[in-house]
Protein backbone atom coordinates (compact mmCIF):
# COMPACT_ATOMS: atom_id res chain seq x y z
CA UNK A 1 12.77 5.38 -5.80
CA UNK A 2 15.94 3.69 -7.12
CA UNK A 3 13.96 1.43 -9.51
CA UNK A 4 12.21 -0.53 -6.75
CA UNK A 5 9.47 -2.88 -7.89
CA UNK A 6 6.15 -2.49 -6.09
CA UNK A 7 5.03 -5.44 -3.99
CA UNK A 8 1.38 -4.41 -3.87
CA UNK A 9 -1.09 -1.77 -4.95
CA UNK A 10 -3.64 -0.08 -2.72
CA UNK A 11 -7.01 0.54 -4.38
CA UNK A 12 -10.25 2.07 -3.17
CA UNK A 13 -13.55 1.29 -4.85
CA UNK A 14 -16.14 4.06 -4.77
CA UNK A 15 -17.77 4.10 -1.34
CA UNK A 16 -15.67 1.26 0.10
CA UNK A 17 -12.58 0.83 2.26
CA UNK A 18 -9.11 0.56 0.77
CA UNK A 19 -7.84 -2.85 -0.27
CA UNK A 20 -4.37 -4.16 -1.13
CA UNK A 21 -3.67 -6.26 -4.18
CA UNK A 22 -0.44 -8.25 -4.27
CA UNK A 23 1.01 -7.37 -7.69
CA UNK A 24 4.20 -5.99 -9.16
CA UNK A 25 2.70 -4.15 -12.18
CA UNK A 26 -0.47 -2.21 -13.03
CA UNK A 27 -1.48 -0.97 -16.47
CA UNK A 28 -4.60 0.42 -18.11
CA UNK A 29 -5.93 -1.63 -20.99
CA UNK A 30 -8.96 -1.96 -23.23
CA UNK A 31 -12.09 0.01 -23.96
CA UNK A 32 -13.69 0.83 -21.59
CA UNK A 33 -10.44 1.30 -19.73
CA UNK A 34 -9.62 -0.96 -16.81
CA UNK A 35 -6.60 -1.47 -14.57
CA UNK A 36 -4.93 -4.85 -14.99
CA UNK A 37 -2.70 -5.96 -12.11
CA UNK A 38 0.00 -8.53 -12.77
CA UNK A 39 2.37 -10.53 -10.61
CA UNK A 40 5.31 -12.19 -12.33
CA UNK A 41 3.59 -11.60 -15.68
CA UNK A 42 0.29 -13.29 -14.80
CA UNK A 43 -2.96 -11.35 -14.38
CA UNK A 44 -4.09 -11.45 -10.75
CA UNK A 45 -6.84 -8.80 -10.74
CA UNK A 46 -8.58 -6.33 -13.02
CA UNK A 47 -11.09 -3.55 -12.38
CA UNK A 48 -12.70 -0.80 -14.44
CA UNK A 49 -11.13 2.64 -14.01
CA UNK A 50 -14.57 4.18 -13.31
CA UNK A 51 -15.11 1.82 -10.35
CA UNK A 52 -12.20 3.33 -8.40
CA UNK A 53 -12.31 6.44 -6.25
CA UNK A 54 -8.65 7.26 -7.01
CA UNK A 55 -5.71 5.84 -8.91
CA UNK A 56 -4.00 2.72 -7.50
CA UNK A 57 -1.17 3.61 -5.13
CA UNK A 58 1.96 1.42 -5.39
CA UNK A 59 3.36 0.00 -2.14
CA UNK A 60 7.11 -0.61 -2.04
CA UNK A 61 9.16 -2.86 0.27
CA UNK A 62 10.90 -1.09 3.13
CA UNK A 63 14.65 -0.82 3.15
CA UNK A 64 16.48 -2.01 6.28
CA UNK A 65 17.24 1.64 7.11
CA UNK A 66 13.54 2.58 6.89
CA UNK A 67 12.56 -0.41 9.06
CA UNK A 68 15.08 0.61 11.74
CA UNK A 69 13.87 4.22 11.66
CA UNK A 70 10.25 3.10 12.06
CA UNK A 71 11.13 0.80 14.96
CA UNK A 72 13.00 3.64 16.71
CA UNK A 73 10.03 5.96 16.19
CA UNK A 74 7.58 3.42 17.64
CA UNK A 75 9.79 2.85 20.70
CA UNK A 76 10.17 6.60 21.24
CA UNK A 77 6.41 7.17 21.00
CA UNK A 78 5.78 4.28 23.36
CA UNK A 79 8.04 5.90 25.95
CA UNK A 80 6.38 9.30 25.48
CA UNK A 81 2.87 7.88 25.74
CA UNK A 82 3.58 5.72 28.79
CA UNK A 83 1.58 7.07 31.70
CA UNK A 84 3.17 6.77 35.13
CA UNK A 85 1.17 4.80 37.67
CA UNK A 86 -1.47 6.90 39.28
CA UNK A 87 -1.41 7.17 43.02
CA UNK A 88 -4.59 7.48 45.02
């Protein structure tokens, strides 16, 4: 990924829905191990490794090209899914 910095991390606690944490770095620290999330060098969140169902997934900002491709895809799908008016 061309050295992009993550803007958030997606985590999922055991048995719960996914959640996003706004941070630009995640590291494991301490004993017992826990993930420490930082934004601009300051700790914003920490959680024990055993409390998560899977590893945190970094979320990166979209490039202008990716945004345009997504917008085109959404418009194309909208046209495909549009149902013509039903006549009775």
